[in-house]
Amino acid sequence: MLLNAFALAVAPGIAIMLAIYALDQRNREPLGLLIRCFLLGVLSVAIPLAVQTVAAMQGWRSSGGGLLQTTIYAFIIVGLSEEGGKFLVLRYFAYPKKAFDEPFDGIVYSIMIGMGFATAENISYVYQFGMATGWARMFISVPAHACFAILMGYYTGLAKFIPQHRGTLLLTGLFWAVMFHGAFDFFLFIGDSIFQVVAALLCLYIAVRLSIRAIRQHRATSREWDRLRRENENQQEQGIEGGQD
C-alpha cells in the first residue's frame, strides 16, 4: 500500500519531466544538472513551509477569515512563497549555467525545479489524505504546477538572451506564475461549490493553453537561435581559413 501511494505521488511529475525532456531535441541538458534542479526543487519546499508556518502562528488561514484575508493568503502566503522558492533556484542555480544555451532551456530547467517541488508536495498530501487525493492531484494540482513552471521558464528563457531587459523579464515570469497560482488556489479556498471548482479549473485551462503556446514559441525560437549560431560559427571558421590562406 505504501509503495502504491509513493508511486502515485511521484508518477505525474516524472511523466511531465520526461515529456518536456523529449521536446528538448537540440543540445539536451546534462542529466546530472537536471537531477540537481529536481532535488533543489524538492528542497525549495522549505521556503513556503516556513512562510506558511509563521502565517499560521499569526492566525492566517486559507478560509474563514473574510475575502481579503483569503486573497492575501492565496496570492502572497501561498502563491508568492511557493513560486518565489522555485524562482530562486531557477534564477541563481540554473540560469547562470553554461548549458543554458537556448531559450527553450528556461522551460526545461523550470519544469525540473517545479516538478521537484510538486513531487515533494504530492508525497506529503498522498500520505496524509490517501490515494483519492493522489488521483485528484495527478490530473489537477501537478499539471497546474507544471503550467506555472512553464510560464516562469518562458520569460526566464527570454531574459537569458535579451539581457537588456533581463530584470523585467525575470520578474514578469515570476509575476505570472504567482498570479495563476494565486487565482487557482483562491477559488478553491473560498468554497467547495461547483462554481468555485469550475472557476479554478478555468484558471488551469487558461494556464494550459498559454503553456502550450509558450512551448511552441520557444521551440521555434530555439531552432532559429541554433541556426544563427551555426551560421556564425561557419562564418568564423571561414574567416580563420581565409586568414590562413
Protein backbone atom coordinates (compact mmCIF):
# COMPACT_ATOMS: atom_id res chain seq x y z
CA MET A 1 0.00 0.00 0.00
CA LEU A 2 2.76 2.43 0.92
CA LEU A 3 4.63 1.60 -2.26
CA ASN A 4 1.50 2.19 -4.34
CA ALA A 5 0.94 5.53 -2.66
CA PHE A 6 4.54 6.56 -3.32
CA ALA A 7 4.29 5.54 -6.98
CA LEU A 8 1.06 7.51 -7.37
CA ALA A 9 2.69 10.56 -5.79
CA VAL A 10 5.81 10.60 -7.97
CA ALA A 11 4.41 9.33 -11.29
CA PRO A 12 2.81 12.56 -12.61
CA GLY A 13 5.90 14.66 -12.00
CA ILE A 14 8.15 12.12 -13.70
CA ALA A 15 5.78 11.88 -16.69
CA ILE A 16 5.77 15.65 -17.18
CA MET A 17 9.56 15.90 -16.87
CA LEU A 18 10.05 13.14 -19.45
CA ALA A 19 7.61 14.85 -21.82
CA ILE A 20 9.47 18.18 -21.63
CA TYR A 21 12.84 16.45 -21.90
CA ALA A 22 11.64 14.71 -25.07
CA LEU A 23 10.70 18.08 -26.57
CA ASP A 24 14.21 19.42 -25.96
CA GLN A 25 15.68 17.91 -29.10
CA ARG A 26 18.72 20.17 -29.60
CA ASN A 27 21.64 20.43 -27.20
CA ARG A 28 19.90 18.48 -24.47
CA GLU A 29 20.82 19.48 -20.95
CA PRO A 30 23.22 17.37 -18.86
CA LEU A 31 21.27 14.74 -16.98
CA GLY A 32 23.19 15.40 -13.78
CA LEU A 33 22.27 19.08 -13.91
CA LEU A 34 18.59 18.26 -14.43
CA ILE A 35 18.63 15.90 -11.45
CA ARG A 36 20.18 18.62 -9.29
CA CYS A 37 17.46 21.04 -10.39
CA PHE A 38 14.84 18.48 -9.42
CA LEU A 39 16.42 17.91 -6.00
CA LEU A 40 16.74 21.63 -5.35
CA GLY A 41 13.08 21.93 -6.31
CA VAL A 42 12.32 19.38 -3.61
CA LEU A 43 14.35 21.39 -1.09
CA SER A 44 12.67 24.64 -2.09
CA VAL A 45 9.54 23.36 -0.32
CA ALA A 46 11.22 24.55 2.89
CA ILE A 47 10.67 28.22 1.96
CA PRO A 48 6.86 28.19 1.67
CA LEU A 49 6.66 25.74 4.55
CA ALA A 50 8.42 28.26 6.79
CA VAL A 51 6.31 31.16 5.50
CA GLN A 52 3.05 29.29 5.92
CA THR A 53 4.02 28.07 9.38
CA VAL A 54 4.71 31.62 10.54
CA ALA A 55 1.47 32.80 8.92
CA ALA A 56 -0.49 30.09 10.74
CA MET A 57 1.09 31.15 14.04
CA GLN A 58 -0.14 34.69 13.33
CA GLY A 59 -3.68 33.45 12.76
CA TRP A 60 -3.74 33.45 8.96
CA ARG A 61 -5.91 30.78 7.38
CA SER A 62 -6.81 29.84 3.81
CA SER A 63 -10.51 30.37 4.51
CA GLY A 64 -12.87 31.58 7.17
CA GLY A 65 -11.25 34.97 7.70
CA GLY A 66 -13.00 37.00 5.05
CA LEU A 67 -12.44 37.57 1.36
CA LEU A 68 -9.45 39.92 1.80
CA GLN A 69 -7.59 37.50 4.06
CA THR A 70 -8.25 34.63 1.66
CA THR A 71 -6.95 36.74 -1.23
CA ILE A 72 -3.75 37.63 0.64
CA TYR A 73 -3.32 34.04 1.73
CA ALA A 74 -3.78 32.64 -1.79
CA PHE A 75 -1.63 35.15 -3.69
CA ILE A 76 1.05 36.10 -1.15
CA ILE A 77 1.37 33.48 1.56
CA VAL A 78 0.93 30.54 -0.83
CA GLY A 79 1.44 31.79 -4.39
CA LEU A 80 4.40 34.09 -3.83
CA SER A 81 6.15 31.87 -1.27
CA GLU A 82 5.89 28.73 -3.42
CA GLU A 83 6.70 30.31 -6.78
CA GLY A 84 9.32 32.51 -5.14
CA GLY A 85 11.11 29.46 -3.77
CA LYS A 86 11.19 27.86 -7.23
CA PHE A 87 12.26 31.16 -8.80
CA LEU A 88 15.29 31.45 -6.50
CA VAL A 89 16.55 28.04 -7.64
CA LEU A 90 15.88 28.83 -11.30
CA ARG A 91 17.48 32.28 -11.16
CA TYR A 92 20.55 31.59 -9.04
CA PHE A 93 21.31 27.94 -9.84
CA ALA A 94 20.09 27.07 -13.34
CA TYR A 95 20.17 30.49 -15.03
CA PRO A 96 23.95 31.05 -14.83
CA LYS A 97 24.85 27.59 -16.16
CA LYS A 98 26.75 27.37 -19.44
CA ALA A 99 24.42 24.57 -20.55
CA PHE A 100 21.55 27.11 -20.52
CA ASP A 101 22.28 27.98 -24.16
CA GLU A 102 18.88 28.37 -25.87
CA PRO A 103 15.52 29.93 -24.91
CA PHE A 104 13.68 26.60 -24.51
CA ASP A 105 16.13 25.67 -21.76
CA GLY A 106 14.35 28.13 -19.49
CA ILE A 107 11.25 25.95 -19.67
CA VAL A 108 13.26 22.73 -19.25
CA TYR A 109 15.02 23.87 -16.07
CA SER A 110 11.91 25.48 -14.65
CA ILE A 111 9.92 22.28 -15.16
CA MET A 112 12.58 20.18 -13.42
CA ILE A 113 12.52 22.53 -10.42
CA GLY A 114 8.75 22.81 -10.41
CA MET A 115 8.24 19.07 -10.60
CA GLY A 116 10.70 18.57 -7.76
CA PHE A 117 8.56 20.90 -5.67
CA ALA A 118 5.28 19.35 -6.83
CA THR A 119 6.52 15.80 -6.21
CA ALA A 120 7.58 16.59 -2.64
CA GLU A 121 4.25 18.28 -2.01
CA ASN A 122 2.39 15.40 -3.63
CA ILE A 123 4.07 12.79 -1.46
CA SER A 124 3.04 14.73 1.65
CA TYR A 125 -0.58 15.07 0.51
CA VAL A 126 -0.94 11.44 -0.55
CA TYR A 127 0.40 10.08 2.73
CA GLN A 128 -1.75 12.49 4.74
CA PHE A 129 -5.03 12.21 2.84
CA GLY A 130 -4.88 8.98 0.88
CA MET A 131 -4.94 7.62 -2.63
CA ALA A 132 -8.06 9.52 -3.71
CA THR A 133 -6.21 12.78 -3.13
CA GLY A 134 -3.30 11.43 -5.16
CA TRP A 135 -5.54 10.65 -8.12
CA ALA A 136 -7.13 14.11 -7.98
CA ARG A 137 -3.78 15.85 -7.76
CA MET A 138 -2.44 13.79 -10.67
CA PHE A 139 -4.90 15.46 -13.03
CA ILE A 140 -5.21 18.90 -11.42
CA SER A 141 -2.56 20.09 -8.97
CA VAL A 142 0.60 18.63 -10.54
CA PRO A 143 -0.31 19.82 -14.07
CA ALA A 144 -1.07 23.23 -12.51
CA HIS A 145 2.45 23.36 -11.03
CA ALA A 146 3.81 22.39 -14.45
CA CYS A 147 1.96 25.28 -16.10
CA PHE A 148 3.21 27.76 -13.51
CA ALA A 149 6.75 26.48 -14.15
CA ILE A 150 6.40 26.76 -17.93
CA LEU A 151 5.19 30.35 -17.73
CA MET A 152 8.07 31.27 -15.43
CA GLY A 153 10.56 29.38 -17.59
CA TYR A 154 9.31 31.04 -20.77
CA TYR A 155 10.22 34.51 -19.54
CA THR A 156 13.44 33.25 -17.97
CA GLY A 157 14.45 31.88 -21.36
CA LEU A 158 13.76 35.28 -22.92
CA ALA A 159 15.72 37.03 -20.18
CA LYS A 160 18.79 34.88 -20.85
CA PHE A 161 19.00 36.06 -24.46
CA ILE A 162 17.61 39.60 -24.15
CA PRO A 163 19.98 40.82 -21.43
CA GLN A 164 18.98 44.47 -21.77
CA HIS A 165 15.53 43.51 -20.40
CA ARG A 166 16.70 40.74 -18.09
CA GLY A 167 15.31 42.13 -14.84
CA THR A 168 11.91 42.98 -16.29
CA LEU A 169 11.53 39.60 -17.99
CA LEU A 170 12.57 37.62 -14.92
CA LEU A 171 10.07 39.48 -12.74
CA THR A 172 7.39 39.07 -15.41
CA GLY A 173 7.85 35.30 -15.30
CA LEU A 174 7.59 35.29 -11.51
CA PHE A 175 4.56 37.59 -11.64
CA TRP A 176 2.52 35.40 -13.99
CA ALA A 177 3.40 32.23 -12.11
CA VAL A 178 2.23 33.85 -8.86
CA MET A 179 -0.93 35.27 -10.46
CA PHE A 180 -2.08 31.97 -11.92
CA HIS A 181 -1.08 30.03 -8.80
CA GLY A 182 -2.85 32.52 -6.55
CA ALA A 183 -6.02 32.62 -8.69
CA PHE A 184 -6.17 28.83 -8.89
CA ASP A 185 -5.87 28.47 -5.10
CA PHE A 186 -8.15 31.44 -4.36
CA PHE A 187 -11.18 29.85 -5.99
CA LEU A 188 -10.51 26.57 -4.19
CA PHE A 189 -10.11 28.37 -0.84
CA ILE A 190 -13.31 30.44 -0.93
CA GLY A 191 -15.66 27.46 -1.06
CA ASP A 192 -16.37 24.00 -2.33
CA SER A 193 -19.36 24.73 -4.58
CA ILE A 194 -19.31 23.68 -8.21
CA PHE A 195 -18.90 27.32 -9.26
CA GLN A 196 -15.64 27.78 -7.35
CA VAL A 197 -14.30 24.49 -8.68
CA VAL A 198 -15.21 25.47 -12.25
CA ALA A 199 -13.51 28.86 -11.78
CA ALA A 200 -10.33 27.17 -10.54
CA LEU A 201 -10.40 24.74 -13.48
CA LEU A 202 -10.93 27.68 -15.85
CA CYS A 203 -7.74 29.27 -14.48
CA LEU A 204 -5.96 25.98 -15.06
CA TYR A 205 -7.36 25.72 -18.59
CA ILE A 206 -6.08 29.20 -19.47
CA ALA A 207 -2.68 28.37 -17.96
CA VAL A 208 -2.52 25.16 -20.00
CA ARG A 209 -3.32 27.00 -23.23
CA LEU A 210 -0.70 29.66 -22.51
CA SER A 211 1.83 26.97 -21.59
CA ILE A 212 1.31 25.10 -24.87
CA ARG A 213 1.77 28.36 -26.75
CA ALA A 214 4.91 29.16 -24.76
CA ILE A 215 6.42 25.75 -25.55
CA ARG A 216 5.70 26.12 -29.24
CA GLN A 217 7.13 29.63 -29.40
CA HIS A 218 10.31 28.73 -27.53
CA ARG A 219 10.90 25.60 -29.58
CA ALA A 220 10.65 27.72 -32.73
CA THR A 221 12.85 30.43 -31.22
CA SER A 222 15.43 27.86 -30.16
CA ARG A 223 15.52 26.41 -33.67
CA GLU A 224 16.19 29.89 -35.08
CA TRP A 225 18.76 30.58 -32.36
CA ASP A 226 20.55 27.34 -33.19
CA ARG A 227 20.53 28.19 -36.92
CA LEU A 228 22.01 31.63 -36.33
CA ARG A 229 24.62 30.20 -34.01
CA ARG A 230 25.69 27.62 -36.59
CA GLU A 231 25.88 30.28 -39.30
CA ASN A 232 28.02 32.45 -37.05
CA GLU A 233 30.34 29.54 -36.28
CA ASN A 234 30.66 28.75 -40.00
CA GLN A 235 31.46 32.37 -40.79
CA GLN A 236 34.12 32.43 -38.09
CA GLU A 237 35.66 29.21 -39.43
CA GLN A 238 35.68 30.60 -42.98
CA GLY A 239 37.27 33.78 -41.73
CA ILE A 240 40.01 31.83 -39.99
CA GLU A 241 40.63 29.71 -43.10
CA GLY A 242 40.69 32.85 -45.27
CA GLY A 243 43.23 34.43 -42.96
CA GLN A 244 45.45 31.39 -43.13
CA ASP A 245 45.36 31.48 -46.94
